[in-house]
Protein backbone atom coordinates (compact mmCIF):
# COMPACT_ATOMS: atom_id res chain seq x y z
CA MET A 1 -0.01 0.02 0.02
CA MET A 2 1.37 3.40 -0.93
CA TYR A 3 1.17 6.30 1.54
CA PRO A 4 1.60 9.91 0.44
CA LYS A 5 4.97 11.42 1.31
CA THR A 6 4.70 14.10 3.88
CA LYS A 7 7.35 15.69 6.05
CA PRO A 8 7.14 14.05 9.52
CA HIS A 9 6.43 16.23 12.50
CA ARG A 10 9.38 16.89 14.85
CA ASP A 11 8.74 17.87 18.50
CA GLY A 12 11.58 17.60 21.04
CA LYS A 13 9.22 18.51 23.91
CA TYR A 14 7.00 15.53 23.06
CA LEU A 15 9.99 13.17 22.79
CA ARG A 16 11.22 14.24 26.23
CA LEU A 17 7.76 13.69 27.70
CA ILE A 18 7.59 10.14 26.21
CA ALA A 19 11.06 9.38 27.63
CA THR A 20 9.78 10.22 31.16
CA MET A 21 7.20 7.38 30.98
CA PRO A 22 7.99 3.83 32.12
CA CYS A 23 8.94 1.29 29.46
CA PHE A 24 5.77 -0.08 27.82
CA SER A 25 7.33 -3.49 27.45
CA CYS A 26 8.98 -4.31 30.78
CA GLY A 27 7.68 -1.49 32.99
CA ILE A 28 11.06 -0.29 34.25
CA ASN A 29 11.15 3.43 35.16
CA GLY A 30 13.99 5.82 34.52
CA TYR A 31 15.58 4.26 31.40
CA SER A 32 13.03 5.02 28.67
CA GLN A 33 13.69 6.43 25.25
CA ALA A 34 11.12 7.57 22.68
CA ALA A 35 11.00 4.69 20.24
CA HIS A 36 9.75 5.70 16.77
CA SER A 37 7.22 3.57 14.91
CA ASN A 38 8.64 1.64 11.97
CA LEU A 39 5.35 1.70 10.13
CA ALA A 40 4.87 3.55 6.80
CA LYS A 41 1.45 4.77 7.86
CA HIS A 42 3.20 6.73 10.67
CA GLY A 43 5.55 8.40 8.18
CA LYS A 44 8.42 5.91 8.20
CA GLY A 45 10.16 5.48 4.90
CA GLY A 46 13.66 4.78 3.70
CA ALA A 47 16.08 6.66 5.94
CA GLN A 48 13.28 8.87 7.32
CA LYS A 49 11.99 8.32 10.85
CA ALA A 50 8.27 8.34 11.56
CA SER A 51 6.63 11.40 13.10
CA ASP A 52 7.72 12.19 16.64
CA TYR A 53 4.04 11.81 17.61
CA ALA A 54 4.23 8.13 16.57
CA THR A 55 6.59 7.18 19.44
CA PHE A 56 6.28 5.23 22.61
CA PRO A 57 8.58 4.58 25.62
CA LEU A 58 10.93 1.61 25.51
CA CYS A 59 13.94 1.25 27.79
CA CYS A 60 17.51 1.66 26.58
CA GLU A 61 20.49 -0.66 26.91
CA ARG A 62 22.45 -0.41 30.17
CA PRO A 63 25.37 -2.37 31.59
CA GLY A 64 24.55 -6.03 31.41
CA VAL A 65 20.99 -5.54 30.05
CA MET A 66 19.83 -5.33 26.45
CA GLY A 67 17.04 -2.74 26.45
CA CYS A 68 13.53 -3.30 25.15
CA HIS A 69 14.08 -0.68 22.40
CA SER A 70 16.75 -2.82 20.78
CA LEU A 71 14.81 -6.03 21.38
CA PHE A 72 11.66 -4.56 19.83
CA ASP A 73 13.52 -3.32 16.74
CA GLN A 74 15.12 -6.73 16.32
CA GLY A 75 11.78 -8.56 16.54
CA VAL A 76 12.59 -10.34 19.82
CA ILE A 77 9.78 -8.89 21.90
CA VAL A 78 7.00 -8.96 19.27
CA THR A 79 6.77 -11.07 16.13
CA LYS A 80 6.35 -9.45 12.69
CA LEU A 81 2.82 -10.71 12.65
CA ASN A 82 1.87 -8.75 15.79
CA LYS A 83 4.23 -5.78 15.44
CA GLU A 84 1.75 -3.48 13.65
CA ALA A 85 -1.02 -4.02 16.18
CA VAL A 86 1.30 -3.56 19.17
CA THR A 87 2.88 -0.44 17.64
CA ASP A 88 -0.55 1.10 16.96
CA PHE A 89 -1.65 0.29 20.51
CA TRP A 90 1.51 1.69 22.10
CA VAL A 91 1.43 4.89 20.00
CA ALA A 92 -2.21 5.52 20.98
CA SER A 93 -1.45 4.70 24.60
CA ALA A 94 1.51 7.12 24.71
CA GLN A 95 -0.59 9.88 23.16
CA LYS A 96 -3.37 9.23 25.68
CA ARG A 97 -0.88 9.52 28.57
CA ALA A 98 0.58 12.68 27.03
CA LYS A 99 -2.88 14.24 26.82
CA ALA A 100 -3.56 13.30 30.46
CA ALA A 101 -0.29 15.05 31.35
CA GLY A 102 -1.56 18.21 29.65
CA PHE A 103 0.27 17.97 26.29
CA THR A 104 -1.55 19.68 23.43
CA PHE A 105 -1.13 18.09 20.00
CA PRO A 106 -1.15 20.11 16.74
CA GLU A 107 -4.31 19.67 14.69
CA GLY A 108 -4.60 16.28 12.97
CA VAL A 109 -1.51 14.50 14.30
CA CYS A 110 -2.96 12.43 17.18
CA HIS A 111 -3.38 8.71 16.31
CA GLU A 112 -5.63 7.91 19.33
């Protein structure tokens, strides 16, 4: 399926807010990063990352522990078959939490 090419939204404030949330996979607090969706419908394409609003918190690598962000990208946590559904759910959940924290989205970018 072809998706129209649009310039993805960039918002450092939103990325920092997502990074303050606990990891959506393992639940650890204090190690999260904003993981971008790898789905074309969220703006991913070629070397271009998806919109910053299509992110969710996953933990980073730390000494002796491979983080959920790497494991998710490598297909260890979720199979290819389930990755789209999980990504959609996590993006919507992150946006819902951001709204609850008082974040205001630009018109038309919320996936919830």
